[in-house]
Amino acid sequence: MDKIKQLSSETAQFAKDIENEAKRITWPSRQEAIKSTLAVIVISGLFAAFLATVDSVFAWGIGKLLG
């Protein structure tokens, strides 16, 4: 029975800790979120283009080597 009480109190403390941490969250403004999202999209696009270029160069090189 003591283990159940201990588990119950630990669970309650855990829930209180989560609530306290959630109060400390600072959310970005709408403009900050939009800027960050656009930055991620642009960087992802550039990286995808780079990888596509590298893939094409390797495919061309292997085609010349084996072909």
N, C-alpha and C. Protein backbone atom coordinates (compact mmCIF):
# COMPACT_ATOMS: atom_id res chain seq x y z
N MET A 1 0.81 -1.19 0.00
CA MET A 1 0.00 0.00 0.00
C MET A 1 0.87 1.26 0.00
N ASP A 2 2.00 1.19 0.70
CA ASP A 2 2.89 2.34 0.75
C ASP A 2 3.46 2.66 -0.63
N LYS A 3 3.73 1.62 -1.41
CA LYS A 3 4.27 1.83 -2.75
C LYS A 3 3.25 2.56 -3.63
N ILE A 4 1.99 2.24 -3.44
CA ILE A 4 0.93 2.90 -4.22
C ILE A 4 0.84 4.37 -3.84
N LYS A 5 0.91 4.67 -2.54
CA LYS A 5 0.87 6.07 -2.08
C LYS A 5 2.09 6.83 -2.60
N GLN A 6 3.25 6.19 -2.55
CA GLN A 6 4.47 6.82 -3.03
C GLN A 6 4.38 7.10 -4.52
N LEU A 7 3.90 6.12 -5.28
CA LEU A 7 3.75 6.29 -6.72
C LEU A 7 2.76 7.40 -7.02
N SER A 8 1.68 7.48 -6.26
CA SER A 8 0.67 8.51 -6.45
C SER A 8 1.25 9.89 -6.18
N SER A 9 2.02 10.03 -5.11
CA SER A 9 2.62 11.33 -4.78
C SER A 9 3.69 11.71 -5.80
N GLU A 10 4.45 10.74 -6.28
CA GLU A 10 5.46 11.02 -7.30
C GLU A 10 4.80 11.45 -8.61
N THR A 11 3.69 10.81 -8.95
CA THR A 11 2.96 11.18 -10.16
C THR A 11 2.39 12.59 -10.04
N ALA A 12 1.86 12.92 -8.88
CA ALA A 12 1.32 14.26 -8.66
C ALA A 12 2.43 15.30 -8.74
N GLN A 13 3.60 15.01 -8.17
CA GLN A 13 4.73 15.94 -8.23
C GLN A 13 5.20 16.12 -9.65
N PHE A 14 5.22 15.02 -10.40
CA PHE A 14 5.62 15.08 -11.80
C PHE A 14 4.68 15.99 -12.59
N ALA A 15 3.38 15.86 -12.34
CA ALA A 15 2.38 16.70 -13.03
C ALA A 15 2.58 18.17 -12.66
N LYS A 16 2.87 18.45 -11.39
CA LYS A 16 3.12 19.84 -10.96
C LYS A 16 4.37 20.40 -11.64
N ASP A 17 5.41 19.57 -11.75
CA ASP A 17 6.65 20.00 -12.40
C ASP A 17 6.40 20.33 -13.87
N ILE A 18 5.59 19.51 -14.52
CA ILE A 18 5.26 19.77 -15.93
C ILE A 18 4.51 21.09 -16.05
N GLU A 19 3.57 21.32 -15.16
CA GLU A 19 2.80 22.56 -15.20
C GLU A 19 3.71 23.77 -15.00
N ASN A 20 4.65 23.67 -14.06
CA ASN A 20 5.58 24.78 -13.81
C ASN A 20 6.47 25.04 -15.02
N GLU A 21 6.94 23.99 -15.65
CA GLU A 21 7.77 24.16 -16.84
C GLU A 21 6.97 24.76 -17.99
N ALA A 22 5.73 24.35 -18.13
CA ALA A 22 4.88 24.87 -19.20
C ALA A 22 4.63 26.37 -19.04
N LYS A 23 4.61 26.85 -17.81
CA LYS A 23 4.41 28.28 -17.57
C LYS A 23 5.62 29.11 -18.01
N ARG A 24 6.78 28.48 -18.10
CA ARG A 24 8.01 29.19 -18.47
C ARG A 24 8.21 29.30 -19.98
N ILE A 25 7.38 28.62 -20.75
CA ILE A 25 7.55 28.60 -22.21
C ILE A 25 7.29 29.99 -22.76
N THR A 26 8.19 30.45 -23.61
CA THR A 26 7.97 31.70 -24.33
C THR A 26 7.81 31.36 -25.80
N TRP A 27 6.64 31.63 -26.32
CA TRP A 27 6.33 31.31 -27.70
C TRP A 27 6.79 32.43 -28.60
N PRO A 28 7.27 32.11 -29.80
CA PRO A 28 7.67 33.17 -30.73
C PRO A 28 6.44 33.93 -31.24
N SER A 29 6.70 35.16 -31.64
CA SER A 29 5.60 35.92 -32.22
C SER A 29 5.25 35.33 -33.59
N ARG A 30 4.13 35.75 -34.14
CA ARG A 30 3.70 35.23 -35.44
C ARG A 30 4.76 35.54 -36.51
N GLN A 31 5.30 36.76 -36.47
CA GLN A 31 6.30 37.17 -37.46
C GLN A 31 7.58 36.34 -37.31
N GLU A 32 8.01 36.10 -36.08
CA GLU A 32 9.20 35.27 -35.86
C GLU A 32 8.98 33.85 -36.36
N ALA A 33 7.80 33.30 -36.13
CA ALA A 33 7.49 31.95 -36.59
C ALA A 33 7.50 31.87 -38.11
N ILE A 34 6.94 32.89 -38.76
CA ILE A 34 6.92 32.92 -40.23
C ILE A 34 8.34 33.01 -40.78
N LYS A 35 9.16 33.89 -40.20
CA LYS A 35 10.55 34.04 -40.66
C LYS A 35 11.33 32.74 -40.49
N SER A 36 11.16 32.09 -39.34
CA SER A 36 11.87 30.84 -39.09
C SER A 36 11.41 29.75 -40.06
N THR A 37 10.11 29.69 -40.31
CA THR A 37 9.58 28.70 -41.24
C THR A 37 10.12 28.92 -42.65
N LEU A 38 10.13 30.17 -43.09
CA LEU A 38 10.66 30.47 -44.43
C LEU A 38 12.15 30.14 -44.52
N ALA A 39 12.88 30.41 -43.44
CA ALA A 39 14.31 30.08 -43.44
C ALA A 39 14.52 28.58 -43.58
N VAL A 40 13.72 27.79 -42.88
CA VAL A 40 13.83 26.33 -42.95
C VAL A 40 13.49 25.85 -44.36
N ILE A 41 12.45 26.42 -44.96
CA ILE A 41 12.05 26.02 -46.31
C ILE A 41 13.14 26.35 -47.32
N VAL A 42 13.69 27.56 -47.24
CA VAL A 42 14.75 27.97 -48.18
C VAL A 42 15.99 27.11 -48.01
N ILE A 43 16.43 26.91 -46.79
CA ILE A 43 17.63 26.10 -46.55
C ILE A 43 17.40 24.67 -47.01
N SER A 44 16.22 24.12 -46.75
CA SER A 44 15.91 22.75 -47.19
C SER A 44 15.93 22.66 -48.72
N GLY A 45 15.39 23.68 -49.38
CA GLY A 45 15.40 23.70 -50.85
C GLY A 45 16.81 23.77 -51.40
N LEU A 46 17.64 24.62 -50.79
CA LEU A 46 19.03 24.72 -51.25
C LEU A 46 19.78 23.41 -51.04
N PHE A 47 19.57 22.79 -49.91
CA PHE A 47 20.23 21.53 -49.63
C PHE A 47 19.76 20.43 -50.58
N ALA A 48 18.46 20.43 -50.89
CA ALA A 48 17.92 19.45 -51.83
C ALA A 48 18.52 19.66 -53.22
N ALA A 49 18.65 20.92 -53.63
CA ALA A 49 19.24 21.22 -54.93
C ALA A 49 20.71 20.78 -54.96
N PHE A 50 21.42 21.01 -53.87
CA PHE A 50 22.82 20.59 -53.79
C PHE A 50 22.93 19.08 -53.91
N LEU A 51 22.10 18.36 -53.16
CA LEU A 51 22.14 16.90 -53.21
C LEU A 51 21.75 16.37 -54.59
N ALA A 52 20.78 17.01 -55.25
CA ALA A 52 20.39 16.60 -56.59
C ALA A 52 21.54 16.80 -57.56
N THR A 53 22.27 17.91 -57.41
CA THR A 53 23.43 18.18 -58.27
C THR A 53 24.53 17.15 -58.05
N VAL A 54 24.84 16.87 -56.80
CA VAL A 54 25.87 15.88 -56.49
C VAL A 54 25.46 14.51 -57.02
N ASP A 55 24.20 14.15 -56.87
CA ASP A 55 23.70 12.88 -57.37
C ASP A 55 23.84 12.80 -58.89
N SER A 56 23.49 13.89 -59.56
CA SER A 56 23.60 13.91 -61.02
C SER A 56 25.05 13.78 -61.48
N VAL A 57 25.94 14.47 -60.81
CA VAL A 57 27.37 14.40 -61.17
C VAL A 57 27.89 12.98 -60.95
N PHE A 58 27.55 12.38 -59.83
CA PHE A 58 27.99 11.00 -59.59
C PHE A 58 27.39 10.03 -60.60
N ALA A 59 26.11 10.21 -60.92
CA ALA A 59 25.46 9.33 -61.89
C ALA A 59 26.13 9.49 -63.26
N TRP A 60 26.43 10.71 -63.64
CA TRP A 60 27.11 10.95 -64.93
C TRP A 60 28.50 10.32 -64.90
N GLY A 61 29.25 10.51 -63.81
CA GLY A 61 30.60 9.97 -63.69
C GLY A 61 30.61 8.46 -63.72
N ILE A 62 29.71 7.83 -63.02
CA ILE A 62 29.66 6.37 -63.02
C ILE A 62 29.21 5.86 -64.37
N GLY A 63 28.31 6.60 -65.02
CA GLY A 63 27.89 6.22 -66.39
C GLY A 63 29.05 6.26 -67.36
N LYS A 64 29.89 7.28 -67.24
CA LYS A 64 31.07 7.40 -68.11
C LYS A 64 32.09 6.30 -67.77
N LEU A 65 32.24 6.00 -66.49
CA LEU A 65 33.21 5.02 -66.04
C LEU A 65 32.81 3.61 -66.48
N LEU A 66 31.55 3.29 -66.39
CA LEU A 66 31.08 1.94 -66.69
C LEU A 66 30.54 1.81 -68.11
N GLY A 67 30.24 2.92 -68.71
CA GLY A 67 29.51 2.87 -69.97
C GLY A 67 30.27 2.88 -71.20
